[in-house]
Amino acid sequence: MIALVLSVLSSSCIYIIFKLFGKYKVTTLHALIINYLTAFLFGLVFQVNLSLDTLISVTTKDWFLGSVMLGGMFILVFYLMVITTQKGGMAVVSVSSKMSVAIPIVFVILYYNEALNSIKLIGIALALVSVYLVSVKKRSGLKININYFIYPLLVFLGSGIIESSIKFLENAYVPDDEISLFSATTFLFAFLTGSAFWGFRQLKTKSYFKFKDVVGGILLGIPNYFSIYFFILALRIKGLDNSSIFIINNVGIVLLSTFIGILFFKERLTAKNWVGIGIAILSIILITYTQKSMP
């Protein structure tokens, strides 16, 4: 359970840093590129028995191609989030990315044939409702222009595919002593893809890295590395179904990020948000209870 708690804490730190990006006007793409480089280096540092032979053999690993695709997906989904923010606002991005947890939940239940009962189904449904209610800060609710509906849909699908892919790859191909190497490789290709994207944009719009972009990227890269590392460890917790881990992890991040927003950024919640918090807590209780009661 410690890994699950650390996964939630790491991901919540990412939320704080992104909030600070806005305050200090950090260029997000620049910071993301530095962040992926930082996370890659941390992956190498924490890889046990790292050697030149280990690095050379990376391309022969069964998880290598999956890691390359994941790295590319990181940048693709970020780009889709930017477009979605421009077309529909932050609330639309927040909901579409957080609701995407439904995809890995369905995936692990069907692919790994996880046991289900009525209480667990209710817990999952309540968790999804709570994510929506907590994420939408406006009293008027979420408004999506039907002409741009494709963008939040792609964010939803992309985010869900990333989490499902991490689960599949770590379960099928990544041994315990290669978690850091797998994470480092994924971040390396995210860095390379992001750098290529930035280079392409340079042909049209000149943008240069500022010192605060580099600092912000380094600060983001540290919790970003640990969020993936501890999430993979959490998926290997014995006695907890993966669908339950996905729910507890995502709902935990939403709750902790919300409370951080209240305490440090003076965010105000609507009655709907508070109802969502209550439902989120209830969903975690139901899912935890179900885990204890199921054989």
Foldseek 3Di string as FASTA:
>chain_A
DVLLVLLLVLLLLLLVLVVVCVVVVADVLLLQLLLLVLLLVVLQVPQPPDDPVVVVCLVVFPCQVLLLVLLLLVVVLVVLLVVCCVQFNPLLLQLLLLLLLVLLLVVLCVVVVDDDDPLLVLLVVLLNLLSLLQSAFDPVGGDHDPVSVVSSNVSSPSSNVSVNSLLVCLVPTNDPSCLSVSLSSSSVSNSVSSVVVVVVVCVPDNDDHDPVSNVSSNSSNVSVSSSSSSLSVLCVDPLARNSLSSSCSSLSNSLVSSVCCCPPVVDDGDPSSVVSNVSSVVSNVSRVVVSVPDD
